[in-house]
């Protein structure tokens, strides 16, 4: 019983200290009431990580597009293949049949 009573006195004395009160109020203000609170910081970090992933994905796609463009500019057979697949171009003596897959519901 004395142990519990002694603990209560220590806790009460600890929270009566002006520095403890000021520090507690400061921490609460920073975490919850400030314009740049803890939730804002976490939300912006998540947004930053998703945008960073998006930038790396766009860089990868940009590099692939540059490689494809360089291949199209240097290789005539790949240019012909691209024109046939994308724009359905054909030679004079051939017919083009386009097969499209049925969209699944």
PDB file of N, CA and C in Angstrom:
ATOM      1  N   UNK A   1       0.821  -1.189   0.000  1.00  0.00           N
ATOM      2  CA  UNK A   1       0.000   0.000   0.000  1.00  0.00           C
ATOM      3  C   UNK A   1       0.869   1.260   0.000  1.00  0.00           C
ATOM      4  N   UNK A   2       1.955   1.212   0.762  1.00  0.00           N
ATOM      5  CA  UNK A   2       2.856   2.364   0.805  1.00  0.00           C
ATOM      6  C   UNK A   2       3.492   2.614  -0.559  1.00  0.00           C
ATOM      7  N   UNK A   3       3.745   1.531  -1.250  1.00  0.00           N
ATOM      8  CA  UNK A   3       4.356   1.662  -2.571  1.00  0.00           C
ATOM      9  C   UNK A   3       3.434   2.425  -3.525  1.00  0.00           C
ATOM     10  N   UNK A   4       2.131   2.078  -3.522  1.00  0.00           N
ATOM     11  CA  UNK A   4       1.176   2.755  -4.388  1.00  0.00           C
ATOM     12  C   UNK A   4       0.998   4.213  -3.988  1.00  0.00           C
ATOM     13  N   UNK A   5       0.958   4.463  -2.731  1.00  0.00           N
ATOM     14  CA  UNK A   5       0.801   5.840  -2.251  1.00  0.00           C
ATOM     15  C   UNK A   5       2.027   6.680  -2.637  1.00  0.00           C
ATOM     16  N   UNK A   6       3.211   6.061  -2.517  1.00  0.00           N
ATOM     17  CA  UNK A   6       4.436   6.755  -2.904  1.00  0.00           C
ATOM     18  C   UNK A   6       4.488   7.037  -4.398  1.00  0.00           C
ATOM     19  N   UNK A   7       3.995   6.093  -5.188  1.00  0.00           N
ATOM     20  CA  UNK A   7       3.953   6.284  -6.639  1.00  0.00           C
ATOM     21  C   UNK A   7       3.008   7.415  -7.013  1.00  0.00           C
ATOM     22  N   UNK A   8       1.846   7.469  -6.360  1.00  0.00           N
ATOM     23  CA  UNK A   8       0.898   8.546  -6.639  1.00  0.00           C
ATOM     24  C   UNK A   8       1.519   9.898  -6.338  1.00  0.00           C
ATOM     25  N   UNK A   9       2.234   9.999  -5.249  1.00  0.00           N
ATOM     26  CA  UNK A   9       2.869  11.269  -4.877  1.00  0.00           C
ATOM     27  C   UNK A   9       3.931  11.657  -5.912  1.00  0.00           C
ATOM     28  N   UNK A  10       4.687  10.671  -6.379  1.00  0.00           N
ATOM     29  CA  UNK A  10       5.714  10.964  -7.396  1.00  0.00           C
ATOM     30  C   UNK A  10       5.074  11.439  -8.701  1.00  0.00           C
ATOM     31  N   UNK A  11       4.003  10.769  -9.109  1.00  0.00           N
ATOM     32  CA  UNK A  11       3.333  11.144 -10.355  1.00  0.00           C
ATOM     33  C   UNK A  11       2.735  12.534 -10.231  1.00  0.00           C
ATOM     34  N   UNK A  12       2.096  12.820  -9.114  1.00  0.00           N
ATOM     35  CA  UNK A  12       1.519  14.148  -8.910  1.00  0.00           C
ATOM     36  C   UNK A  12       2.614  15.201  -8.887  1.00  0.00           C
ATOM     37  N   UNK A  13       3.723  14.924  -8.224  1.00  0.00           N
ATOM     38  CA  UNK A  13       4.839  15.877  -8.175  1.00  0.00           C
ATOM     39  C   UNK A  13       5.433  16.067  -9.577  1.00  0.00           C
ATOM     40  N   UNK A  14       5.499  14.986 -10.341  1.00  0.00           N
ATOM     41  CA  UNK A  14       6.046  15.072 -11.700  1.00  0.00           C
ATOM     42  C   UNK A  14       5.194  15.974 -12.581  1.00  0.00           C
ATOM     43  N   UNK A  15       3.871  15.849 -12.493  1.00  0.00           N
ATOM     44  CA  UNK A  15       2.992  16.662 -13.335  1.00  0.00           C
ATOM     45  C   UNK A  15       2.764  18.058 -12.784  1.00  0.00           C
ATOM     46  N   UNK A  16       3.180  18.334 -11.592  1.00  0.00           N
ATOM     47  CA  UNK A  16       3.105  19.706 -11.075  1.00  0.00           C
ATOM     48  C   UNK A  16       4.290  20.543 -11.527  1.00  0.00           C
ATOM     49  N   UNK A  17       5.301  19.905 -12.038  1.00  0.00           N
ATOM     50  CA  UNK A  17       6.485  20.614 -12.509  1.00  0.00           C
ATOM     51  C   UNK A  17       6.102  21.442 -13.730  1.00  0.00           C
ATOM     52  N   UNK A  18       6.495  22.711 -13.758  1.00  0.00           N
ATOM     53  CA  UNK A  18       6.110  23.608 -14.848  1.00  0.00           C
ATOM     54  C   UNK A  18       6.740  23.211 -16.175  1.00  0.00           C
ATOM     55  N   UNK A  19       7.931  22.634 -16.139  1.00  0.00           N
ATOM     56  CA  UNK A  19       8.587  22.213 -17.373  1.00  0.00           C
ATOM     57  C   UNK A  19       7.876  21.008 -17.989  1.00  0.00           C
ATOM     58  N   UNK A  20       7.423  20.119 -17.151  1.00  0.00           N
ATOM     59  CA  UNK A  20       6.684  18.956 -17.631  1.00  0.00           C
ATOM     60  C   UNK A  20       5.374  19.389 -18.270  1.00  0.00           C
ATOM     61  N   UNK A  21       4.683  20.299 -17.641  1.00  0.00           N
ATOM     62  CA  UNK A  21       3.421  20.803 -18.186  1.00  0.00           C
ATOM     63  C   UNK A  21       3.668  21.503 -19.519  1.00  0.00           C
ATOM     64  N   UNK A  22       4.687  22.344 -19.580  1.00  0.00           N
ATOM     65  CA  UNK A  22       4.988  23.069 -20.814  1.00  0.00           C
ATOM     66  C   UNK A  22       5.386  22.099 -21.933  1.00  0.00           C
ATOM     67  N   UNK A  23       6.191  21.101 -21.614  1.00  0.00           N
ATOM     68  CA  UNK A  23       6.609  20.122 -22.622  1.00  0.00           C
ATOM     69  C   UNK A  23       5.423  19.312 -23.112  1.00  0.00           C
ATOM     70  N   UNK A  24       4.547  18.906 -22.209  1.00  0.00           N
ATOM     71  CA  UNK A  24       3.364  18.137 -22.588  1.00  0.00           C
ATOM     72  C   UNK A  24       2.453  18.959 -23.496  1.00  0.00           C
ATOM     73  N   UNK A  25       2.221  20.212 -23.151  1.00  0.00           N
ATOM     74  CA  UNK A  25       1.387  21.085 -23.986  1.00  0.00           C
ATOM     75  C   UNK A  25       2.033  21.288 -25.354  1.00  0.00           C
ATOM     76  N   UNK A  26       3.348  21.476 -25.374  1.00  0.00           N
ATOM     77  CA  UNK A  26       4.060  21.661 -26.638  1.00  0.00           C
ATOM     78  C   UNK A  26       3.933  20.431 -27.539  1.00  0.00           C
ATOM     79  N   UNK A  27       4.119  19.254 -26.974  1.00  0.00           N
ATOM     80  CA  UNK A  27       4.030  18.016 -27.755  1.00  0.00           C
ATOM     81  C   UNK A  27       2.611  17.822 -28.284  1.00  0.00           C
ATOM     82  N   UNK A  28       1.622  18.067 -27.453  1.00  0.00           N
ATOM     83  CA  UNK A  28       0.236  17.954 -27.909  1.00  0.00           C
ATOM     84  C   UNK A  28      -0.059  18.957 -29.016  1.00  0.00           C
ATOM     85  N   UNK A  29       0.435  20.161 -28.889  1.00  0.00           N
ATOM     86  CA  UNK A  29       0.206  21.192 -29.902  1.00  0.00           C
ATOM     87  C   UNK A  29       0.835  20.790 -31.239  1.00  0.00           C
ATOM     88  N   UNK A  30       2.070  20.321 -31.180  1.00  0.00           N
ATOM     89  CA  UNK A  30       2.771  19.925 -32.399  1.00  0.00           C
ATOM     90  C   UNK A  30       2.102  18.717 -33.050  1.00  0.00           C
ATOM     91  N   UNK A  31       1.665  17.761 -32.252  1.00  0.00           N
ATOM     92  CA  UNK A  31       1.110  16.520 -32.807  1.00  0.00           C
ATOM     93  C   UNK A  31      -0.307  16.689 -33.349  1.00  0.00           C
ATOM     94  N   UNK A  32      -1.121  17.546 -32.757  1.00  0.00           N
ATOM     95  CA  UNK A  32      -2.531  17.550 -33.118  1.00  0.00           C
ATOM     96  C   UNK A  32      -3.100  18.902 -33.553  1.00  0.00           C
ATOM     97  N   UNK A  33      -2.628  20.002 -33.010  1.00  0.00           N
ATOM     98  CA  UNK A  33      -3.292  21.283 -33.243  1.00  0.00           C
ATOM     99  C   UNK A  33      -2.570  22.207 -34.207  1.00  0.00           C
ATOM    100  N   UNK A  34      -1.345  21.955 -34.507  1.00  0.00           N
ATOM    101  CA  UNK A  34      -0.571  22.821 -35.384  1.00  0.00           C
ATOM    102  C   UNK A  34      -1.028  22.668 -36.834  1.00  0.00           C
ATOM    103  N   UNK A  35      -0.695  23.658 -37.655  1.00  0.00           N
ATOM    104  CA  UNK A  35      -1.034  23.588 -39.079  1.00  0.00           C
ATOM    105  C   UNK A  35      -0.278  22.450 -39.759  1.00  0.00           C
ATOM    106  N   UNK A  36       0.939  22.234 -39.343  1.00  0.00           N
ATOM    107  CA  UNK A  36       1.748  21.126 -39.846  1.00  0.00           C
ATOM    108  C   UNK A  36       1.816  20.089 -38.726  1.00  0.00           C
ATOM    109  N   UNK A  37       0.735  19.336 -38.577  1.00  0.00           N
ATOM    110  CA  UNK A  37       0.676  18.376 -37.492  1.00  0.00           C
ATOM    111  C   UNK A  37       1.209  17.016 -37.935  1.00  0.00           C
ATOM    112  N   UNK A  38       1.151  16.079 -37.038  1.00  0.00           N
ATOM    113  CA  UNK A  38       1.695  14.756 -37.286  1.00  0.00           C
ATOM    114  C   UNK A  38       0.992  14.055 -38.450  1.00  0.00           C
ATOM    115  N   UNK A  39      -0.311  14.201 -38.541  1.00  0.00           N
ATOM    116  CA  UNK A  39      -1.069  13.556 -39.613  1.00  0.00           C
ATOM    117  C   UNK A  39      -0.732  14.162 -40.975  1.00  0.00           C
ATOM    118  N   UNK A  40      -0.520  15.459 -41.021  1.00  0.00           N
ATOM    119  CA  UNK A  40      -0.141  16.128 -42.260  1.00  0.00           C
ATOM    120  C   UNK A  40       1.219  15.614 -42.741  1.00  0.00           C
ATOM    121  N   UNK A  41       2.142  15.459 -41.822  1.00  0.00           N
ATOM    122  CA  UNK A  41       3.480  14.983 -42.173  1.00  0.00           C
ATOM    123  C   UNK A  41       3.414  13.563 -42.720  1.00  0.00           C
ATOM    124  N   UNK A  42       2.641  12.700 -42.060  1.00  0.00           N
ATOM    125  CA  UNK A  42       2.516  11.321 -42.540  1.00  0.00           C
ATOM    126  C   UNK A  42       1.839  11.261 -43.899  1.00  0.00           C
ATOM    127  N   UNK A  43       0.796  12.058 -44.086  1.00  0.00           N
ATOM    128  CA  UNK A  43       0.076  12.073 -45.356  1.00  0.00           C
ATOM    129  C   UNK A  43       0.985  12.554 -46.493  1.00  0.00           C
ATOM    130  N   UNK A  44       1.766  13.603 -46.249  1.00  0.00           N
ATOM    131  CA  UNK A  44       2.650  14.114 -47.300  1.00  0.00           C
ATOM    132  C   UNK A  44       3.788  13.146 -47.596  1.00  0.00           C
ATOM    133  N   UNK A  45       4.250  12.410 -46.599  1.00  0.00           N
ATOM    134  CA  UNK A  45       5.288  11.405 -46.869  1.00  0.00           C
ATOM    135  C   UNK A  45       4.757  10.282 -47.746  1.00  0.00           C
ATOM    136  N   UNK A  46       3.532   9.851 -47.484  1.00  0.00           N
ATOM    137  CA  UNK A  46       2.926   8.816 -48.335  1.00  0.00           C
ATOM    138  C   UNK A  46       2.741   9.330 -49.766  1.00  0.00           C
ATOM    139  N   UNK A  47       2.300  10.566 -49.888  1.00  0.00           N
ATOM    140  CA  UNK A  47       2.122  11.154 -51.215  1.00  0.00           C
ATOM    141  C   UNK A  47       3.456  11.281 -51.938  1.00  0.00           C
ATOM    142  N   UNK A  48       4.489  11.668 -51.199  1.00  0.00           N
ATOM    143  CA  UNK A  48       5.821  11.787 -51.791  1.00  0.00           C
ATOM    144  C   UNK A  48       6.326  10.437 -52.286  1.00  0.00           C
ATOM    145  N   UNK A  49       6.121   9.394 -51.512  1.00  0.00           N
ATOM    146  CA  UNK A  49       6.594   8.074 -51.949  1.00  0.00           C
ATOM    147  C   UNK A  49       5.834   7.594 -53.182  1.00  0.00           C
ATOM    148  N   UNK A  50       4.527   7.845 -53.242  1.00  0.00           N
ATOM    149  CA  UNK A  50       3.777   7.425 -54.429  1.00  0.00           C
ATOM    150  C   UNK A  50       4.195   8.234 -55.655  1.00  0.00           C
ATOM    151  N   UNK A  51       4.442   9.523 -55.488  1.00  0.00           N
ATOM    152  CA  UNK A  51       4.893  10.339 -56.613  1.00  0.00           C
ATOM    153  C   UNK A  51       6.294   9.943 -57.063  1.00  0.00           C
ATOM    154  N   UNK A  52       7.138   9.546 -56.141  1.00  0.00           N
ATOM    155  CA  UNK A  52       8.478   9.090 -56.500  1.00  0.00           C
ATOM    156  C   UNK A  52       8.402   7.817 -57.324  1.00  0.00           C
ATOM    157  N   UNK A  53       7.508   6.901 -56.932  1.00  0.00           N
ATOM    158  CA  UNK A  53       7.317   5.674 -57.712  1.00  0.00           C
ATOM    159  C   UNK A  53       6.792   6.002 -59.102  1.00  0.00           C
ATOM    160  N   UNK A  54       5.870   6.956 -59.194  1.00  0.00           N
ATOM    161  CA  UNK A  54       5.323   7.349 -60.483  1.00  0.00           C
ATOM    162  C   UNK A  54       6.391   7.955 -61.381  1.00  0.00           C
ATOM    163  N   UNK A  55       7.271   8.770 -60.798  1.00  0.00           N
ATOM    164  CA  UNK A  55       8.357   9.380 -61.579  1.00  0.00           C
ATOM    165  C   UNK A  55       9.301   8.307 -62.101  1.00  0.00           C
ATOM    166  N   UNK A  56       9.635   7.332 -61.268  1.00  0.00           N
ATOM    167  CA  UNK A  56      10.541   6.273 -61.736  1.00  0.00           C
ATOM    168  C   UNK A  56       9.886   5.436 -62.834  1.00  0.00           C
ATOM    169  N   UNK A  57       8.573   5.186 -62.716  1.00  0.00           N
ATOM    170  CA  UNK A  57       7.861   4.445 -63.757  1.00  0.00           C
ATOM    171  C   UNK A  57       7.834   5.237 -65.073  1.00  0.00           C
ATOM    172  N   UNK A  58       7.586   6.546 -64.983  1.00  0.00           N
ATOM    173  CA  UNK A  58       7.583   7.379 -66.190  1.00  0.00           C
ATOM    174  C   UNK A  58       8.969   7.479 -66.809  1.00  0.00           C
ATOM    175  N   UNK A  59      10.014   7.516 -65.987  1.00  0.00           N
ATOM    176  CA  UNK A  59      11.377   7.508 -66.524  1.00  0.00           C
ATOM    177  C   UNK A  59      11.662   6.213 -67.282  1.00  0.00           C
ATOM    178  N   UNK A  60      11.185   5.098 -66.730  1.00  0.00           N
ATOM    179  CA  UNK A  60      11.387   3.808 -67.393  1.00  0.00           C
ATOM    180  C   UNK A  60      10.649   3.769 -68.735  1.00  0.00           C
ATOM    181  N   UNK A  61       9.399   4.262 -68.749  1.00  0.00           N
ATOM    182  CA  UNK A  61       8.638   4.295 -70.008  1.00  0.00           C
ATOM    183  C   UNK A  61       9.279   5.246 -71.013  1.00  0.00           C
ATOM    184  N   UNK A  62       9.801   6.360 -70.536  1.00  0.00           N
ATOM    185  CA  UNK A  62      10.473   7.320 -71.413  1.00  0.00           C
ATOM    186  C   UNK A  62      11.710   6.692 -72.049  1.00  0.00           C
ATOM    187  N   UNK A  63      12.452   5.936 -71.261  1.00  0.00           N
ATOM    188  CA  UNK A  63      13.641   5.271 -71.798  1.00  0.00           C
ATOM    189  C   UNK A  63      13.251   4.233 -72.838  1.00  0.00           C
ATOM    190  N   UNK A  64      12.167   3.495 -72.602  1.00  0.00           N
ATOM    191  CA  UNK A  64      11.704   2.524 -73.589  1.00  0.00           C
ATOM    192  C   UNK A  64      11.264   3.219 -74.876  1.00  0.00           C
ATOM    193  N   UNK A  65      10.591   4.345 -74.757  1.00  0.00           N
ATOM    194  CA  UNK A  65      10.149   5.084 -75.936  1.00  0.00           C
ATOM    195  C   UNK A  65      11.344   5.613 -76.727  1.00  0.00           C
ATOM    196  N   UNK A  66      12.370   6.090 -76.021  1.00  0.00           N
ATOM    197  CA  UNK A  66      13.574   6.568 -76.712  1.00  0.00           C
ATOM    198  C   UNK A  66      14.259   5.434 -77.463  1.00  0.00           C
ATOM    199  N   UNK A  67      14.317   4.274 -76.843  1.00  0.00           N
ATOM    200  CA  UNK A  67      14.931   3.114 -77.491  1.00  0.00           C
ATOM    201  C   UNK A  67      14.133   2.704 -78.722  1.00  0.00           C
ATOM    202  N   UNK A  68      12.802   2.689 -78.597  1.00  0.00           N
ATOM    203  CA  UNK A  68      11.954   2.328 -79.741  1.00  0.00           C
ATOM    204  C   UNK A  68      12.092   3.343 -80.865  1.00  0.00           C
ATOM    205  N   UNK A  69      12.158   4.628 -80.530  1.00  0.00           N
ATOM    206  CA  UNK A  69      12.317   5.665 -81.555  1.00  0.00           C
ATOM    207  C   UNK A  69      13.652   5.536 -82.257  1.00  0.00           C
ATOM    208  N   UNK A  70      14.698   5.272 -81.504  1.00  0.00           N
ATOM    209  CA  UNK A  70      16.009   5.095 -82.115  1.00  0.00           C
ATOM    210  C   UNK A  70      16.007   3.876 -83.039  1.00  0.00           C
ATOM    211  N   UNK A  71      15.322   2.814 -82.623  1.00  0.00           N
ATOM    212  CA  UNK A  71      15.227   1.617 -83.454  1.00  0.00           C
ATOM    213  C   UNK A  71      14.436   1.904 -84.725  1.00  0.00           C
ATOM    214  N   UNK A  72      13.341   2.673 -84.600  1.00  0.00           N
ATOM    215  CA  UNK A  72      12.543   3.006 -85.785  1.00  0.00           C
ATOM    216  C   UNK A  72      13.314   3.890 -86.758  1.00  0.00           C
ATOM    217  N   UNK A  73      14.124   4.799 -86.241  1.00  0.00           N
ATOM    218  CA  UNK A  73      14.892   5.694 -87.113  1.00  0.00           C
ATOM    219  C   UNK A  73      16.062   4.990 -87.798  1.00  0.00           C
ATOM    220  N   UNK A  74      16.567   3.919 -87.195  1.00  0.00           N
ATOM    221  CA  UNK A  74      17.751   3.282 -87.760  1.00  0.00           C
ATOM    222  C   UNK A  74      17.447   2.001 -88.529  1.00  0.00           C
ATOM    223  N   UNK A  75      16.337   1.348 -88.273  1.00  0.00           N
ATOM    224  CA  UNK A  75      16.059   0.046 -88.864  1.00  0.00           C
ATOM    225  C   UNK A  75      14.777   0.122 -89.697  1.00  0.00           C
ATOM    226  N   UNK A  76      14.897  -0.083 -90.997  1.00  0.00           N
ATOM    227  CA  UNK A  76      13.729   0.044 -91.872  1.00  0.00           C
ATOM    228  C   UNK A  76      12.747  -1.109 -91.698  1.00  0.00           C
ATOM    229  N   UNK A  77      13.234  -2.278 -91.374  1.00  0.00           N
ATOM    230  CA  UNK A  77      12.315  -3.408 -91.184  1.00  0.00           C
ATOM    231  C   UNK A  77      11.456  -3.204 -89.929  1.00  0.00           C
ATOM    232  N   UNK A  78      12.023  -2.636 -88.893  1.00  0.00           N
ATOM    233  CA  UNK A  78      11.217  -2.355 -87.690  1.00  0.00           C
ATOM    234  C   UNK A  78      10.242  -1.208 -87.959  1.00  0.00           C
ATOM    235  N   UNK A  79      10.622  -0.263 -88.804  1.00  0.00           N
ATOM    236  CA  UNK A  79       9.710   0.813 -89.193  1.00  0.00           C
ATOM    237  C   UNK A  79       8.525   0.253 -89.976  1.00  0.00           C
ATOM    238  N   UNK A  80       8.792  -0.669 -90.887  1.00  0.00           N
ATOM    239  CA  UNK A  80       7.714  -1.300 -91.646  1.00  0.00           C
ATOM    240  C   UNK A  80       6.804  -2.116 -90.724  1.00  0.00           C
ATOM    241  N   UNK A  81       7.389  -2.842 -89.798  1.00  0.00           N
ATOM    242  CA  UNK A  81       6.606  -3.635 -88.853  1.00  0.00           C
ATOM    243  C   UNK A  81       5.717  -2.734 -87.999  1.00  0.00           C
ATOM    244  N   UNK A  82       6.264  -1.630 -87.546  1.00  0.00           N
ATOM    245  CA  UNK A  82       5.491  -0.676 -86.735  1.00  0.00           C
ATOM    246  C   UNK A  82       4.331  -0.093 -87.547  1.00  0.00           C
ATOM    247  N   UNK A  83       4.579   0.291 -88.795  1.00  0.00           N
ATOM    248  CA  UNK A  83       3.534   0.863 -89.644  1.00  0.00           C
ATOM    249  C   UNK A  83       2.440  -0.158 -89.927  1.00  0.00           C
ATOM    250  N   UNK A  84       2.822  -1.407 -90.154  1.00  0.00           N
ATOM    251  CA  UNK A  84       1.834  -2.443 -90.428  1.00  0.00           C
ATOM    252  C   UNK A  84       0.986  -2.741 -89.193  1.00  0.00           C
ATOM    253  N   UNK A  85       1.610  -2.821 -88.020  1.00  0.00           N
ATOM    254  CA  UNK A  85       0.874  -3.174 -86.808  1.00  0.00           C
ATOM    255  C   UNK A  85       0.014  -2.023 -86.296  1.00  0.00           C
ATOM    256  N   UNK A  86       0.528  -0.820 -86.376  1.00  0.00           N
ATOM    257  CA  UNK A  86      -0.170   0.312 -85.773  1.00  0.00           C
ATOM    258  C   UNK A  86      -1.194   0.926 -86.719  1.00  0.00           C
ATOM    259  N   UNK A  87      -0.805   1.148 -87.963  1.00  0.00           N
ATOM    260  CA  UNK A  87      -1.666   1.866 -88.901  1.00  0.00           C
ATOM    261  C   UNK A  87      -2.272   0.967 -89.971  1.00  0.00           C
ATOM    262  N   UNK A  88      -2.090  -0.337 -89.858  1.00  0.00           N
ATOM    263  CA  UNK A  88      -2.648  -1.329 -90.779  1.00  0.00           C
ATOM    264  C   UNK A  88      -2.272  -1.035 -92.234  1.00  0.00           C
ATOM    265  N   UNK A  89      -1.054  -0.601 -92.452  1.00  0.00           N
ATOM    266  CA  UNK A  89      -0.598  -0.341 -93.819  1.00  0.00           C
ATOM    267  C   UNK A  89      -0.289  -1.662 -94.511  1.00  0.00           C
ATOM    268  N   UNK A  90      -0.389  -1.644 -95.848  1.00  0.00           N
ATOM    269  CA  UNK A  90      -0.183  -2.867 -96.611  1.00  0.00           C
ATOM    270  C   UNK A  90       0.539  -2.537 -97.907  1.00  0.00           C
ATOM    271  N   UNK A  91       1.045  -3.582 -98.484  1.00  0.00           N
ATOM    272  CA  UNK A  91       1.641  -3.433 -99.812  1.00  0.00           C
ATOM    273  C   UNK A  91       0.527  -3.522-100.842  1.00  0.00           C
ATOM    274  N   UNK A  92       0.854  -3.201-102.092  1.00  0.00           N
ATOM    275  CA  UNK A  92      -0.161  -3.172-103.151  1.00  0.00           C
ATOM    276  C   UNK A  92      -0.787  -4.542-103.428  1.00  0.00           C
ATOM    277  N   UNK A  93      -0.029  -5.585-103.308  1.00  0.00           N
ATOM    278  CA  UNK A  93      -0.524  -6.894-103.717  1.00  0.00           C
ATOM    279  C   UNK A  93      -1.013  -7.758-102.539  1.00  0.00           C
ATOM    280  N   UNK A  94      -1.326  -7.174-101.400  1.00  0.00           N
ATOM    281  CA  UNK A  94      -1.780  -7.983-100.276  1.00  0.00           C
ATOM    282  C   UNK A  94      -2.999  -7.371 -99.600  1.00  0.00           C
ATOM    283  N   UNK A  95      -3.715  -8.200 -98.875  1.00  0.00           N
ATOM    284  CA  UNK A  95      -4.886  -7.763 -98.128  1.00  0.00           C
ATOM    285  C   UNK A  95      -4.570  -7.842 -96.638  1.00  0.00           C
ATOM    286  N   UNK A  96      -5.189  -6.960 -95.879  1.00  0.00           N
ATOM    287  CA  UNK A  96      -4.967  -6.926 -94.437  1.00  0.00           C
ATOM    288  C   UNK A  96      -6.261  -7.312 -93.742  1.00  0.00           C
ATOM    289  N   UNK A  97      -6.155  -8.294 -92.863  1.00  0.00           N
ATOM    290  CA  UNK A  97      -7.290  -8.709 -92.047  1.00  0.00           C
ATOM    291  C   UNK A  97      -6.971  -8.375 -90.592  1.00  0.00           C
ATOM    292  N   UNK A  98      -7.881  -7.694 -89.937  1.00  0.00           N
ATOM    293  CA  UNK A  98      -7.673  -7.293 -88.549  1.00  0.00           C
ATOM    294  C   UNK A  98      -8.575  -8.135 -87.664  1.00  0.00           C
ATOM    295  N   UNK A  99      -7.976  -8.848 -86.738  1.00  0.00           N
ATOM    296  CA  UNK A  99      -8.714  -9.663 -85.783  1.00  0.00           C
ATOM    297  C   UNK A  99      -8.618  -8.993 -84.420  1.00  0.00           C
ATOM    298  N   UNK A 100      -9.758  -8.657 -83.880  1.00  0.00           N
ATOM    299  CA  UNK A 100      -9.778  -8.053 -82.550  1.00  0.00           C
ATOM    300  C   UNK A 100     -10.394  -9.038 -81.581  1.00  0.00           C
ATOM    301  N   UNK A 101      -9.795  -9.109 -80.400  1.00  0.00           N
ATOM    302  CA  UNK A 101     -10.323 -10.021 -79.380  1.00  0.00           C
ATOM    303  C   UNK A 101     -11.586  -9.430 -78.772  1.00  0.00           C
ATOM    304  N   UNK A 102     -12.493 -10.305 -78.455  1.00  0.00           N
ATOM    305  CA  UNK A 102     -13.743  -9.869 -77.837  1.00  0.00           C
ATOM    306  C   UNK A 102     -13.451  -9.510 -76.391  1.00  0.00           C
ATOM    307  N   UNK A 103     -13.979  -8.369 -75.960  1.00  0.00           N
ATOM    308  CA  UNK A 103     -13.731  -7.933 -74.593  1.00  0.00           C
ATOM    309  C   UNK A 103     -14.516  -8.796 -73.624  1.00  0.00           C
ATOM    310  N   UNK A 104     -13.831  -9.255 -72.595  1.00  0.00           N
ATOM    311  CA  UNK A 104     -14.519 -10.079 -71.594  1.00  0.00           C
ATOM    312  C   UNK A 104     -15.296  -9.191 -70.633  1.00  0.00           C
ATOM    313  N   UNK A 105     -16.443  -9.671 -70.236  1.00  0.00           N
ATOM    314  CA  UNK A 105     -17.310  -8.867 -69.379  1.00  0.00           C
ATOM    315  C   UNK A 105     -17.035  -9.121 -67.933  1.00  0.00           C
TER     316      UNK A 105
END
